[in-house]
Amino acid sequence: GVSQTILRQSRKTFLVADSSKFTRTAPARIASLAEIDSFFTDAPLDK
């Protein structure tokens, strides 16, 4: 809920997440990458 408020109150948003997050899951949805301006990671995304 706090993260969603942050997204609403920001003119621009960056996501930082390493590739270990690609193989994990969690139950609560924050947002979509469609709502993120730039995504910083350490491995190429799958196609």
ModelCIF file with pLDDT and N, C-alpha, C, O atoms, coordinates in Angstrom:
data_MODEL
#
_entry.id   MODEL 
#
_entity.id                         1 
_entity.type                       polymer 
_entity.pdbx_number_of_molecules   1 
#
_entity_poly.entity_id                      1 
_entity_poly.type                           'polypeptide(L)' 
_entity_poly.nstd_linkage                   no 
_entity_poly.nstd_monomer                   no 
_entity_poly.pdbx_seq_one_letter_code       GVSQTILRQSRKTFLVADSSKFTRTAPARIASLAEIDSFFTDAPLDK 
_entity_poly.pdbx_seq_one_letter_code_can   GVSQTILRQSRKTFLVADSSKFTRTAPARIASLAEIDSFFTDAPLDK 
_entity_poly.pdbx_strand_id                 A 
#
loop_
_entity_poly_seq.entity_id 
_entity_poly_seq.num 
_entity_poly_seq.mon_id 
_entity_poly_seq.hetero 
1 1  GLY n 
1 2  VAL n 
1 3  SER n 
1 4  GLN n 
1 5  THR n 
1 6  ILE n 
1 7  LEU n 
1 8  ARG n 
1 9  GLN n 
1 10 SER n 
1 11 ARG n 
1 12 LYS n 
1 13 THR n 
1 14 PHE n 
1 15 LEU n 
1 16 VAL n 
1 17 ALA n 
1 18 ASP n 
1 19 SER n 
1 20 SER n 
1 21 LYS n 
1 22 PHE n 
1 23 THR n 
1 24 ARG n 
1 25 THR n 
1 26 ALA n 
1 27 PRO n 
1 28 ALA n 
1 29 ARG n 
1 30 ILE n 
1 31 ALA n 
1 32 SER n 
1 33 LEU n 
1 34 ALA n 
1 35 GLU n 
1 36 ILE n 
1 37 ASP n 
1 38 SER n 
1 39 PHE n 
1 40 PHE n 
1 41 THR n 
1 42 ASP n 
1 43 ALA n 
1 44 PRO n 
1 45 LEU n 
1 46 ASP n 
1 47 LYS n 
#
_struct_asym.id          A 
_struct_asym.entity_id   1 
#
loop_
_ma_qa_metric.id 
_ma_qa_metric.mode 
_ma_qa_metric.name 
_ma_qa_metric.software_group_id 
_ma_qa_metric.type 
1 global pLDDT . pLDDT 
2 local  pLDDT . pLDDT 
#
_ma_qa_metric_global.metric_id      1 
_ma_qa_metric_global.metric_value   93.21 
_ma_qa_metric_global.model_id       1 
_ma_qa_metric_global.ordinal_id     1 
#
loop_
_ma_qa_metric_local.label_asym_id 
_ma_qa_metric_local.label_comp_id 
_ma_qa_metric_local.label_seq_id 
_ma_qa_metric_local.metric_id 
_ma_qa_metric_local.metric_value 
_ma_qa_metric_local.model_id 
_ma_qa_metric_local.ordinal_id 
A GLY 1  2 91.00 1 1  
A VAL 2  2 92.00 1 2  
A SER 3  2 93.00 1 3  
A GLN 4  2 95.00 1 4  
A THR 5  2 96.00 1 5  
A ILE 6  2 96.00 1 6  
A LEU 7  2 96.00 1 7  
A ARG 8  2 97.00 1 8  
A GLN 9  2 97.00 1 9  
A SER 10 2 98.00 1 10 
A ARG 11 2 98.00 1 11 
A LYS 12 2 98.00 1 12 
A THR 13 2 98.00 1 13 
A PHE 14 2 98.00 1 14 
A LEU 15 2 98.00 1 15 
A VAL 16 2 97.00 1 16 
A ALA 17 2 95.00 1 17 
A ASP 18 2 91.00 1 18 
A SER 19 2 88.00 1 19 
A SER 20 2 83.00 1 20 
A LYS 21 2 86.00 1 21 
A PHE 22 2 87.00 1 22 
A THR 23 2 76.00 1 23 
A ARG 24 2 80.00 1 24 
A THR 25 2 80.00 1 25 
A ALA 26 2 83.00 1 26 
A PRO 27 2 86.00 1 27 
A ALA 28 2 91.00 1 28 
A ARG 29 2 93.00 1 29 
A ILE 30 2 96.00 1 30 
A ALA 31 2 96.00 1 31 
A SER 32 2 97.00 1 32 
A LEU 33 2 97.00 1 33 
A ALA 34 2 97.00 1 34 
A GLU 35 2 97.00 1 35 
A ILE 36 2 98.00 1 36 
A ASP 37 2 98.00 1 37 
A SER 38 2 98.00 1 38 
A PHE 39 2 98.00 1 39 
A PHE 40 2 98.00 1 40 
A THR 41 2 96.00 1 41 
A ASP 42 2 94.00 1 42 
A ALA 43 2 92.00 1 43 
A PRO 44 2 94.00 1 44 
A LEU 45 2 94.00 1 45 
A ASP 46 2 91.00 1 46 
A LYS 47 2 93.00 1 47 
#
loop_
_atom_site.group_PDB 
_atom_site.id 
_atom_site.type_symbol 
_atom_site.label_atom_id 
_atom_site.label_alt_id 
_atom_site.label_comp_id 
_atom_site.label_asym_id 
_atom_site.label_entity_id 
_atom_site.label_seq_id 
_atom_site.pdbx_PDB_ins_code 
_atom_site.Cartn_x 
_atom_site.Cartn_y 
_atom_site.Cartn_z 
_atom_site.occupancy 
_atom_site.B_iso_or_equiv 
_atom_site.pdbx_formal_charge 
_atom_site.auth_seq_id 
_atom_site.auth_comp_id 
_atom_site.auth_asym_id 
_atom_site.auth_atom_id 
_atom_site.pdbx_PDB_model_num 
ATOM 1   N N  . GLY A 1 1  ? 0.815  -1.215  0.000   1.00 91.00 ? 1  GLY A N  1 
ATOM 2   C CA . GLY A 1 1  ? 0.000  0.000   0.000   1.00 91.00 ? 1  GLY A CA 1 
ATOM 3   C C  . GLY A 1 1  ? 0.843  1.257   0.000   1.00 91.00 ? 1  GLY A C  1 
ATOM 4   O O  . GLY A 1 1  ? 0.513  2.229   -0.680  1.00 91.00 ? 1  GLY A O  1 
ATOM 5   N N  . VAL A 1 2  ? 1.937  1.247   0.761   1.00 92.00 ? 2  VAL A N  1 
ATOM 6   C CA . VAL A 1 2  ? 2.844  2.389   0.787   1.00 92.00 ? 2  VAL A CA 1 
ATOM 7   C C  . VAL A 1 2  ? 3.529  2.556   -0.568  1.00 92.00 ? 2  VAL A C  1 
ATOM 8   O O  . VAL A 1 2  ? 3.651  3.676   -1.064  1.00 92.00 ? 2  VAL A O  1 
ATOM 9   N N  . SER A 1 3  ? 3.975  1.455   -1.168  1.00 93.00 ? 3  SER A N  1 
ATOM 10  C CA . SER A 1 3  ? 4.644  1.528   -2.475  1.00 93.00 ? 3  SER A CA 1 
ATOM 11  C C  . SER A 1 3  ? 3.702  2.078   -3.543  1.00 93.00 ? 3  SER A C  1 
ATOM 12  O O  . SER A 1 3  ? 4.123  2.846   -4.408  1.00 93.00 ? 3  SER A O  1 
ATOM 13  N N  . GLN A 1 4  ? 2.442  1.689   -3.486  1.00 95.00 ? 4  GLN A N  1 
ATOM 14  C CA . GLN A 1 4  ? 1.467  2.198   -4.456  1.00 95.00 ? 4  GLN A CA 1 
ATOM 15  C C  . GLN A 1 4  ? 1.249  3.696   -4.276  1.00 95.00 ? 4  GLN A C  1 
ATOM 16  O O  . GLN A 1 4  ? 1.057  4.419   -5.254  1.00 95.00 ? 4  GLN A O  1 
ATOM 17  N N  . THR A 1 5  ? 1.277  4.163   -3.029  1.00 96.00 ? 5  THR A N  1 
ATOM 18  C CA . THR A 1 5  ? 1.181  5.602   -2.767  1.00 96.00 ? 5  THR A CA 1 
ATOM 19  C C  . THR A 1 5  ? 2.395  6.326   -3.338  1.00 96.00 ? 5  THR A C  1 
ATOM 20  O O  . THR A 1 5  ? 2.262  7.405   -3.916  1.00 96.00 ? 5  THR A O  1 
ATOM 21  N N  . ILE A 1 6  ? 3.563  5.744   -3.179  1.00 96.00 ? 6  ILE A N  1 
ATOM 22  C CA . ILE A 1 6  ? 4.786  6.330   -3.736  1.00 96.00 ? 6  ILE A CA 1 
ATOM 23  C C  . ILE A 1 6  ? 4.653  6.506   -5.251  1.00 96.00 ? 6  ILE A C  1 
ATOM 24  O O  . ILE A 1 6  ? 5.008  7.555   -5.789  1.00 96.00 ? 6  ILE A O  1 
ATOM 25  N N  . LEU A 1 7  ? 4.149  5.494   -5.928  1.00 96.00 ? 7  LEU A N  1 
ATOM 26  C CA . LEU A 1 7  ? 3.987  5.575   -7.381  1.00 96.00 ? 7  LEU A CA 1 
ATOM 27  C C  . LEU A 1 7  ? 3.056  6.725   -7.771  1.00 96.00 ? 7  LEU A C  1 
ATOM 28  O O  . LEU A 1 7  ? 3.315  7.451   -8.731  1.00 96.00 ? 7  LEU A O  1 
ATOM 29  N N  . ARG A 1 8  ? 1.971  6.876   -7.009  1.00 97.00 ? 8  ARG A N  1 
ATOM 30  C CA . ARG A 1 8  ? 1.014  7.938   -7.323  1.00 97.00 ? 8  ARG A CA 1 
ATOM 31  C C  . ARG A 1 8  ? 1.604  9.332   -7.105  1.00 97.00 ? 8  ARG A C  1 
ATOM 32  O O  . ARG A 1 8  ? 1.233  10.283  -7.793  1.00 97.00 ? 8  ARG A O  1 
ATOM 33  N N  . GLN A 1 9  ? 2.520  9.447   -6.150  1.00 97.00 ? 9  GLN A N  1 
ATOM 34  C CA . GLN A 1 9  ? 3.032  10.758  -5.750  1.00 97.00 ? 9  GLN A CA 1 
ATOM 35  C C  . GLN A 1 9  ? 4.387  11.078  -6.384  1.00 97.00 ? 9  GLN A C  1 
ATOM 36  O O  . GLN A 1 9  ? 5.091  11.969  -5.909  1.00 97.00 ? 9  GLN A O  1 
ATOM 37  N N  . SER A 1 10 ? 4.756  10.372  -7.434  1.00 98.00 ? 10 SER A N  1 
ATOM 38  C CA . SER A 1 10 ? 6.053  10.573  -8.081  1.00 98.00 ? 10 SER A CA 1 
ATOM 39  C C  . SER A 1 10 ? 5.859  10.903  -9.555  1.00 98.00 ? 10 SER A C  1 
ATOM 40  O O  . SER A 1 10 ? 5.033  10.298  -10.239 1.00 98.00 ? 10 SER A O  1 
ATOM 41  N N  . ARG A 1 11 ? 6.634  11.871  -10.029 1.00 98.00 ? 11 ARG A N  1 
ATOM 42  C CA . ARG A 1 11 ? 6.550  12.238  -11.441 1.00 98.00 ? 11 ARG A CA 1 
ATOM 43  C C  . ARG A 1 11 ? 7.212  11.189  -12.336 1.00 98.00 ? 11 ARG A C  1 
ATOM 44  O O  . ARG A 1 11 ? 6.838  11.026  -13.497 1.00 98.00 ? 11 ARG A O  1 
ATOM 45  N N  . LYS A 1 12 ? 8.181  10.492  -11.793 1.00 98.00 ? 12 LYS A N  1 
ATOM 46  C CA . LYS A 1 12 ? 8.929  9.489   -12.548 1.00 98.00 ? 12 LYS A CA 1 
ATOM 47  C C  . LYS A 1 12 ? 9.352  8.393   -11.589 1.00 98.00 ? 12 LYS A C  1 
ATOM 48  O O  . LYS A 1 12 ? 9.627  8.669   -10.422 1.00 98.00 ? 12 LYS A O  1 
ATOM 49  N N  . THR A 1 13 ? 9.409  7.144   -12.061 1.00 98.00 ? 13 THR A N  1 
ATOM 50  C CA . THR A 1 13 ? 9.708  6.024   -11.169 1.00 98.00 ? 13 THR A CA 1 
ATOM 51  C C  . THR A 1 13 ? 10.741 5.095   -11.768 1.00 98.00 ? 13 THR A C  1 
ATOM 52  O O  . THR A 1 13 ? 10.641 4.703   -12.931 1.00 98.00 ? 13 THR A O  1 
ATOM 53  N N  . PHE A 1 14 ? 11.745 4.739   -10.958 1.00 98.00 ? 14 PHE A N  1 
ATOM 54  C CA . PHE A 1 14 ? 12.754 3.740   -11.313 1.00 98.00 ? 14 PHE A CA 1 
ATOM 55  C C  . PHE A 1 14 ? 12.534 2.501   -10.450 1.00 98.00 ? 14 PHE A C  1 
ATOM 56  O O  . PHE A 1 14 ? 12.181 2.606   -9.275  1.00 98.00 ? 14 PHE A O  1 
ATOM 57  N N  . LEU A 1 15 ? 12.746 1.329   -11.043 1.00 98.00 ? 15 LEU A N  1 
ATOM 58  C CA . LEU A 1 15 ? 12.755 0.059   -10.311 1.00 98.00 ? 15 LEU A CA 1 
ATOM 59  C C  . LEU A 1 15 ? 14.171 -0.486  -10.292 1.00 98.00 ? 15 LEU A C  1 
ATOM 60  O O  . LEU A 1 15 ? 14.838 -0.524  -11.326 1.00 98.00 ? 15 LEU A O  1 
ATOM 61  N N  . VAL A 1 16 ? 14.635 -0.909  -9.122  1.00 97.00 ? 16 VAL A N  1 
ATOM 62  C CA . VAL A 1 16 ? 15.924 -1.600  -9.003  1.00 97.00 ? 16 VAL A CA 1 
ATOM 63  C C  . VAL A 1 16 ? 15.653 -3.010  -8.467  1.00 97.00 ? 16 VAL A C  1 
ATOM 64  O O  . VAL A 1 16 ? 15.077 -3.175  -7.392  1.00 97.00 ? 16 VAL A O  1 
ATOM 65  N N  . ALA A 1 17 ? 16.076 -4.021  -9.229  1.00 95.00 ? 17 ALA A N  1 
ATOM 66  C CA . ALA A 1 17 ? 15.835 -5.412  -8.834  1.00 95.00 ? 17 ALA A CA 1 
ATOM 67  C C  . ALA A 1 17 ? 16.825 -6.319  -9.535  1.00 95.00 ? 17 ALA A C  1 
ATOM 68  O O  . ALA A 1 17 ? 16.939 -6.281  -10.760 1.00 95.00 ? 17 ALA A O  1 
ATOM 69  N N  . ASP A 1 18 ? 17.551 -7.142  -8.771  1.00 91.00 ? 18 ASP A N  1 
ATOM 70  C CA . ASP A 1 18 ? 18.503 -8.059  -9.400  1.00 91.00 ? 18 ASP A CA 1 
ATOM 71  C C  . ASP A 1 18 ? 17.777 -9.283  -9.937  1.00 91.00 ? 18 ASP A C  1 
ATOM 72  O O  . ASP A 1 18 ? 16.601 -9.501  -9.646  1.00 91.00 ? 18 ASP A O  1 
ATOM 73  N N  . SER A 1 19 ? 18.491 -10.078 -10.723 1.00 88.00 ? 19 SER A N  1 
ATOM 74  C CA . SER A 1 19 ? 17.868 -11.179 -11.459 1.00 88.00 ? 19 SER A CA 1 
ATOM 75  C C  . SER A 1 19 ? 17.362 -12.307 -10.576 1.00 88.00 ? 19 SER A C  1 
ATOM 76  O O  . SER A 1 19 ? 16.596 -13.147 -11.049 1.00 88.00 ? 19 SER A O  1 
ATOM 77  N N  . SER A 1 20 ? 17.765 -12.355 -9.302  1.00 83.00 ? 20 SER A N  1 
ATOM 78  C CA . SER A 1 20 ? 17.200 -13.391 -8.418  1.00 83.00 ? 20 SER A CA 1 
ATOM 79  C C  . SER A 1 20 ? 15.694 -13.191 -8.257  1.00 83.00 ? 20 SER A C  1 
ATOM 80  O O  . SER A 1 20 ? 14.973 -14.142 -7.955  1.00 83.00 ? 20 SER A O  1 
ATOM 81  N N  . LYS A 1 21 ? 15.210 -11.947 -8.459  1.00 86.00 ? 21 LYS A N  1 
ATOM 82  C CA . LYS A 1 21 ? 13.767 -11.675 -8.336  1.00 86.00 ? 21 LYS A CA 1 
ATOM 83  C C  . LYS A 1 21 ? 12.981 -12.289 -9.480  1.00 86.00 ? 21 LYS A C  1 
ATOM 84  O O  . LYS A 1 21 ? 11.765 -12.451 -9.378  1.00 86.00 ? 21 LYS A O  1 
ATOM 85  N N  . PHE A 1 22 ? 13.674 -12.641 -10.597 1.00 87.00 ? 22 PHE A N  1 
ATOM 86  C CA . PHE A 1 22 ? 12.982 -13.218 -11.750 1.00 87.00 ? 22 PHE A CA 1 
ATOM 87  C C  . PHE A 1 22 ? 12.489 -14.635 -11.462 1.00 87.00 ? 22 PHE A C  1 
ATOM 88  O O  . PHE A 1 22 ? 11.546 -15.109 -12.097 1.00 87.00 ? 22 PHE A O  1 
ATOM 89  N N  . THR A 1 23 ? 13.132 -15.314 -10.498 1.00 76.00 ? 23 THR A N  1 
ATOM 90  C CA . THR A 1 23 ? 12.788 -16.710 -10.222 1.00 76.00 ? 23 THR A CA 1 
ATOM 91  C C  . THR A 1 23 ? 12.014 -16.863 -8.923  1.00 76.00 ? 23 THR A C  1 
ATOM 92  O O  . THR A 1 23 ? 11.784 -17.981 -8.463  1.00 76.00 ? 23 THR A O  1 
ATOM 93  N N  . ARG A 1 24 ? 11.614 -15.752 -8.335  1.00 80.00 ? 24 ARG A N  1 
ATOM 94  C CA . ARG A 1 24 ? 10.851 -15.807 -7.090  1.00 80.00 ? 24 ARG A CA 1 
ATOM 95  C C  . ARG A 1 24 ? 9.416  -15.374 -7.352  1.00 80.00 ? 24 ARG A C  1 
ATOM 96  O O  . ARG A 1 24 ? 9.103  -14.817 -8.404  1.00 80.00 ? 24 ARG A O  1 
ATOM 97  N N  . THR A 1 25 ? 8.546  -15.639 -6.375  1.00 80.00 ? 25 THR A N  1 
ATOM 98  C CA . THR A 1 25 ? 7.184  -15.148 -6.460  1.00 80.00 ? 25 THR A CA 1 
ATOM 99  C C  . THR A 1 25 ? 6.761  -14.675 -5.082  1.00 80.00 ? 25 THR A C  1 
ATOM 100 O O  . THR A 1 25 ? 7.361  -15.044 -4.072  1.00 80.00 ? 25 THR A O  1 
ATOM 101 N N  . ALA A 1 26 ? 5.727  -13.860 -5.051  1.00 83.00 ? 26 ALA A N  1 
ATOM 102 C CA . ALA A 1 26 ? 5.177  -13.331 -3.810  1.00 83.00 ? 26 ALA A CA 1 
ATOM 103 C C  . ALA A 1 26 ? 3.692  -13.072 -4.052  1.00 83.00 ? 26 ALA A C  1 
ATOM 104 O O  . ALA A 1 26 ? 3.278  -12.940 -5.203  1.00 83.00 ? 26 ALA A O  1 
ATOM 105 N N  . PRO A 1 27 ? 2.883  -12.995 -2.999  1.00 86.00 ? 27 PRO A N  1 
ATOM 106 C CA . PRO A 1 27 ? 1.431  -12.998 -3.198  1.00 86.00 ? 27 PRO A CA 1 
ATOM 107 C C  . PRO A 1 27 ? 0.778  -11.653 -3.487  1.00 86.00 ? 27 PRO A C  1 
ATOM 108 O O  . PRO A 1 27 ? -0.342 -11.625 -3.997  1.00 86.00 ? 27 PRO A O  1 
ATOM 109 N N  . ALA A 1 28 ? 1.439  -10.532 -3.179  1.00 91.00 ? 28 ALA A N  1 
ATOM 110 C CA . ALA A 1 28 ? 0.775  -9.233  -3.271  1.00 91.00 ? 28 ALA A CA 1 
ATOM 111 C C  . ALA A 1 28 ? 1.338  -8.417  -4.435  1.00 91.00 ? 28 ALA A C  1 
ATOM 112 O O  . ALA A 1 28 ? 2.554  -8.316  -4.599  1.00 91.00 ? 28 ALA A O  1 
ATOM 113 N N  . ARG A 1 29 ? 0.456  -7.843  -5.232  1.00 93.00 ? 29 ARG A N  1 
ATOM 114 C CA . ARG A 1 29 ? 0.849  -7.085  -6.425  1.00 93.00 ? 29 ARG A CA 1 
ATOM 115 C C  . ARG A 1 29 ? 1.023  -5.608  -6.090  1.00 93.00 ? 29 ARG A C  1 
ATOM 116 O O  . ARG A 1 29 ? 0.139  -4.990  -5.496  1.00 93.00 ? 29 ARG A O  1 
ATOM 117 N N  . ILE A 1 30 ? 2.169  -5.047  -6.474  1.00 96.00 ? 30 ILE A N  1 
ATOM 118 C CA . ILE A 1 30 ? 2.418  -3.615  -6.298  1.00 96.00 ? 30 ILE A CA 1 
ATOM 119 C C  . ILE A 1 30 ? 1.919  -2.851  -7.515  1.00 96.00 ? 30 ILE A C  1 
ATOM 120 O O  . ILE A 1 30 ? 1.115  -1.928  -7.392  1.00 96.00 ? 30 ILE A O  1 
ATOM 121 N N  . ALA A 1 31 ? 2.398  -3.237  -8.685  1.00 96.00 ? 31 ALA A N  1 
ATOM 122 C CA . ALA A 1 31 ? 2.113  -2.513  -9.928  1.00 96.00 ? 31 ALA A CA 1 
ATOM 123 C C  . ALA A 1 31 ? 2.648  -3.337  -11.085 1.00 96.00 ? 31 ALA A C  1 
ATOM 124 O O  . ALA A 1 31 ? 3.132  -4.454  -10.897 1.00 96.00 ? 31 ALA A O  1 
ATOM 125 N N  . SER A 1 32 ? 2.559  -2.783  -12.272 1.00 97.00 ? 32 SER A N  1 
ATOM 126 C CA . SER A 1 32 ? 3.129  -3.400  -13.473 1.00 97.00 ? 32 SER A CA 1 
ATOM 127 C C  . SER A 1 32 ? 4.359  -2.624  -13.902 1.00 97.00 ? 32 SER A C  1 
ATOM 128 O O  . SER A 1 32 ? 4.483  -1.432  -13.620 1.00 97.00 ? 32 SER A O  1 
ATOM 129 N N  . LEU A 1 33 ? 5.263  -3.301  -14.583 1.00 97.00 ? 33 LEU A N  1 
ATOM 130 C CA . LEU A 1 33 ? 6.392  -2.605  -15.200 1.00 97.00 ? 33 LEU A CA 1 
ATOM 131 C C  . LEU A 1 33 ? 5.920  -1.536  -16.187 1.00 97.00 ? 33 LEU A C  1 
ATOM 132 O O  . LEU A 1 33 ? 6.671  -0.617  -16.516 1.00 97.00 ? 33 LEU A O  1 
ATOM 133 N N  . ALA A 1 34 ? 4.687  -1.656  -16.655 1.00 97.00 ? 34 ALA A N  1 
ATOM 134 C CA . ALA A 1 34 ? 4.133  -0.638  -17.548 1.00 97.00 ? 34 ALA A CA 1 
ATOM 135 C C  . ALA A 1 34 ? 4.057  0.719   -16.862 1.00 97.00 ? 34 ALA A C  1 
ATOM 136 O O  . ALA A 1 34 ? 4.031  1.752   -17.530 1.00 97.00 ? 34 ALA A O  1 
ATOM 137 N N  . GLU A 1 35 ? 4.022  0.724   -15.517 1.00 97.00 ? 35 GLU A N  1 
ATOM 138 C CA . GLU A 1 35 ? 3.940  1.970   -14.754 1.00 97.00 ? 35 GLU A CA 1 
ATOM 139 C C  . GLU A 1 35 ? 5.314  2.497   -14.349 1.00 97.00 ? 35 GLU A C  1 
ATOM 140 O O  . GLU A 1 35 ? 5.413  3.530   -13.687 1.00 97.00 ? 35 GLU A O  1 
ATOM 141 N N  . ILE A 1 36 ? 6.373  1.790   -14.745 1.00 98.00 ? 36 ILE A N  1 
ATOM 142 C CA . ILE A 1 36 ? 7.746  2.150   -14.382 1.00 98.00 ? 36 ILE A CA 1 
ATOM 143 C C  . ILE A 1 36 ? 8.439  2.803   -15.573 1.00 98.00 ? 36 ILE A C  1 
ATOM 144 O O  . ILE A 1 36 ? 8.323  2.324   -16.701 1.00 98.00 ? 36 ILE A O  1 
ATOM 145 N N  . ASP A 1 37 ? 9.152  3.882   -15.327 1.00 98.00 ? 37 ASP A N  1 
ATOM 146 C CA . ASP A 1 37 ? 9.854  4.559   -16.419 1.00 98.00 ? 37 ASP A CA 1 
ATOM 147 C C  . ASP A 1 37 ? 11.152 3.859   -16.791 1.00 98.00 ? 37 ASP A C  1 
ATOM 148 O O  . ASP A 1 37 ? 11.456 3.712   -17.974 1.00 98.00 ? 37 ASP A O  1 
ATOM 149 N N  . SER A 1 38 ? 11.933 3.419   -15.780 1.00 98.00 ? 38 SER A N  1 
ATOM 150 C CA . SER A 1 38 ? 13.211 2.748   -16.056 1.00 98.00 ? 38 SER A CA 1 
ATOM 151 C C  . SER A 1 38 ? 13.403 1.602   -15.071 1.00 98.00 ? 38 SER A C  1 
ATOM 152 O O  . SER A 1 38 ? 13.088 1.720   -13.887 1.00 98.00 ? 38 SER A O  1 
ATOM 153 N N  . PHE A 1 39 ? 13.921 0.503   -15.578 1.00 98.00 ? 39 PHE A N  1 
ATOM 154 C CA . PHE A 1 39 ? 14.149 -0.700  -14.785 1.00 98.00 ? 39 PHE A CA 1 
ATOM 155 C C  . PHE A 1 39 ? 15.633 -1.025  -14.839 1.00 98.00 ? 39 PHE A C  1 
ATOM 156 O O  . PHE A 1 39 ? 16.194 -1.228  -15.916 1.00 98.00 ? 39 PHE A O  1 
ATOM 157 N N  . PHE A 1 40 ? 16.273 -1.073  -13.661 1.00 98.00 ? 40 PHE A N  1 
ATOM 158 C CA . PHE A 1 40 ? 17.704 -1.361  -13.549 1.00 98.00 ? 40 PHE A CA 1 
ATOM 159 C C  . PHE A 1 40 ? 17.887 -2.756  -12.970 1.00 98.00 ? 40 PHE A C  1 
ATOM 160 O O  . PHE A 1 40 ? 17.395 -3.049  -11.880 1.00 98.00 ? 40 PHE A O  1 
ATOM 161 N N  . THR A 1 41 ? 18.592 -3.613  -13.695 1.00 96.00 ? 41 THR A N  1 
ATOM 162 C CA . THR A 1 41 ? 18.802 -4.992  -13.253 1.00 96.00 ? 41 THR A CA 1 
ATOM 163 C C  . THR A 1 41 ? 20.196 -5.443  -13.681 1.00 96.00 ? 41 THR A C  1 
ATOM 164 O O  . THR A 1 41 ? 20.990 -4.649  -14.185 1.00 96.00 ? 41 THR A O  1 
ATOM 165 N N  . ASP A 1 42 ? 20.483 -6.736  -13.473 1.00 94.00 ? 42 ASP A N  1 
ATOM 166 C CA . ASP A 1 42 ? 21.842 -7.226  -13.744 1.00 94.00 ? 42 ASP A CA 1 
ATOM 167 C C  . ASP A 1 42 ? 21.879 -8.337  -14.778 1.00 94.00 ? 42 ASP A C  1 
ATOM 168 O O  . ASP A 1 42 ? 22.934 -8.935  -14.987 1.00 94.00 ? 42 ASP A O  1 
ATOM 169 N N  . ALA A 1 43 ? 20.771 -8.631  -15.426 1.00 92.00 ? 43 ALA A N  1 
ATOM 170 C CA . ALA A 1 43 ? 20.742 -9.685  -16.445 1.00 92.00 ? 43 ALA A CA 1 
ATOM 171 C C  . ALA A 1 43 ? 19.682 -9.342  -17.476 1.00 92.00 ? 43 ALA A C  1 
ATOM 172 O O  . ALA A 1 43 ? 18.662 -8.747  -17.128 1.00 92.00 ? 43 ALA A O  1 
ATOM 173 N N  . PRO A 1 44 ? 19.896 -9.703  -18.740 1.00 94.00 ? 44 PRO A N  1 
ATOM 174 C CA . PRO A 1 44 ? 18.891 -9.416  -19.769 1.00 94.00 ? 44 PRO A CA 1 
ATOM 175 C C  . PRO A 1 44 ? 17.559 -10.092 -19.447 1.00 94.00 ? 44 PRO A C  1 
ATOM 176 O O  . PRO A 1 44 ? 17.528 -11.199 -18.910 1.00 94.00 ? 44 PRO A O  1 
ATOM 177 N N  . LEU A 1 45 ? 16.476 -9.422  -19.779 1.00 94.00 ? 45 LEU A N  1 
ATOM 178 C CA . LEU A 1 45 ? 15.156 -10.008 -19.614 1.00 94.00 ? 45 LEU A CA 1 
ATOM 179 C C  . LEU A 1 45 ? 14.914 -11.023 -20.725 1.00 94.00 ? 45 LEU A C  1 
ATOM 180 O O  . LEU A 1 45 ? 15.499 -10.932 -21.804 1.00 94.00 ? 45 LEU A O  1 
ATOM 181 N N  . ASP A 1 46 ? 14.044 -11.989 -20.447 1.00 91.00 ? 46 ASP A N  1 
ATOM 182 C CA . ASP A 1 46 ? 13.710 -12.907 -21.525 1.00 91.00 ? 46 ASP A CA 1 
ATOM 183 C C  . ASP A 1 46 ? 12.930 -12.142 -22.601 1.00 91.00 ? 46 ASP A C  1 
ATOM 184 O O  . ASP A 1 46 ? 12.397 -11.063 -22.343 1.00 91.00 ? 46 ASP A O  1 
ATOM 185 N N  . LYS A 1 47 ? 12.873 -12.707 -23.793 1.00 93.00 ? 47 LYS A N  1 
ATOM 186 C CA . LYS A 1 47 ? 12.342 -11.971 -24.937 1.00 93.00 ? 47 LYS A CA 1 
ATOM 187 C C  . LYS A 1 47 ? 10.898 -11.506 -24.755 1.00 93.00 ? 47 LYS A C  1 
ATOM 188 O O  . LYS A 1 47 ? 10.336 -10.875 -25.650 1.00 93.00 ? 47 LYS A O  1 
#
